[in-house]
Amino acid sequence: MMRRFKVIIEQDPDGGYVASVAGLPGCHTQGETLDELRSNVKEAIALYLEDEEVPDRLPQFVAVEDVEVSV
């Protein structure tokens, strides 16, 4: 069975990339390049799904928004 997940990718200030998988709490990974990150995130999701009891219906990812605050 194939499942799709939303992945949030951020560039680390020191180089490389970090990814968090929306809907899978604690499922994170990193990579030096985007290609490496994509490979690592697939592996991280597969390992997460092996180790965790994941319901058939996960929370639906809605959006990433910019929020402006005065500091």
Protein backbone atom coordinates (compact mmCIF):
# COMPACT_ATOMS: atom_id res chain seq x y z
CA MET A 1 0.00 0.00 0.00
CA MET A 2 1.32 3.45 -0.96
CA ARG A 3 0.72 6.41 1.34
CA ARG A 4 1.53 10.08 0.80
CA PHE A 5 2.92 12.37 3.47
CA LYS A 6 3.54 16.10 3.54
CA VAL A 7 7.16 16.88 4.35
CA ILE A 8 8.32 20.26 5.64
CA ILE A 9 11.86 21.04 4.50
CA GLU A 10 14.06 23.71 6.03
CA GLN A 11 17.58 24.75 5.17
CA ASP A 12 19.94 24.61 8.13
CA PRO A 13 21.92 27.84 8.68
CA ASP A 14 25.12 25.77 8.83
CA GLY A 15 24.33 23.98 5.54
CA GLY A 16 22.28 20.97 4.68
CA TYR A 17 18.56 20.42 5.10
CA VAL A 18 16.17 19.22 7.79
CA ALA A 19 12.79 17.58 7.17
CA SER A 20 9.78 16.98 9.42
CA VAL A 21 6.92 14.74 8.36
CA ALA A 22 3.52 16.31 9.00
CA GLY A 23 1.20 13.87 10.71
CA LEU A 24 3.99 11.67 12.09
CA PRO A 25 5.10 13.21 15.41
CA GLY A 26 8.84 12.87 15.95
CA CYS A 27 9.57 11.78 12.39
CA HIS A 28 12.50 13.98 11.35
CA THR A 29 15.66 13.55 9.31
CA GLN A 30 18.41 15.55 7.66
CA GLY A 31 20.67 15.52 4.62
CA GLU A 32 23.51 17.50 3.10
CA THR A 33 21.69 17.82 -0.25
CA LEU A 34 18.03 17.79 -1.24
CA ASP A 35 18.53 14.44 -3.00
CA GLU A 36 20.07 12.95 0.14
CA LEU A 37 17.27 14.45 2.25
CA ARG A 38 14.57 12.94 0.02
CA SER A 39 16.15 9.52 0.29
CA ASN A 40 16.55 9.86 4.05
CA VAL A 41 12.96 11.01 4.58
CA LYS A 42 11.59 7.98 2.73
CA GLU A 43 13.70 5.74 4.95
CA ALA A 44 12.63 7.65 8.10
CA ILE A 45 8.94 7.28 7.21
CA ALA A 46 9.33 3.56 6.50
CA LEU A 47 11.10 3.01 9.83
CA TYR A 48 8.50 5.08 11.68
CA LEU A 49 5.67 3.05 10.18
CA GLU A 50 7.40 -0.20 11.17
CA ASP A 51 7.88 0.88 14.78
CA GLU A 52 4.72 2.86 15.50
CA GLU A 53 1.08 1.87 15.51
CA VAL A 54 -0.18 4.35 12.92
CA PRO A 55 -3.92 4.74 12.36
CA ASP A 56 -5.32 4.47 8.82
CA ARG A 57 -6.44 8.10 9.00
CA LEU A 58 -3.81 10.61 10.02
CA PRO A 59 -4.36 14.31 10.73
CA GLN A 60 -4.71 16.19 7.46
CA PHE A 61 -1.98 18.73 6.75
CA VAL A 62 -3.56 22.10 6.07
CA ALA A 63 -0.89 24.73 5.48
CA VAL A 64 2.29 26.48 6.43
CA GLU A 65 1.74 30.18 7.05
CA ASP A 66 3.87 33.21 7.81
CA VAL A 67 2.80 34.90 11.03
CA GLU A 68 4.05 38.39 11.81
CA VAL A 69 4.57 39.43 15.43
CA SER A 70 5.95 42.59 16.95
CA VAL A 71 9.03 42.00 19.13
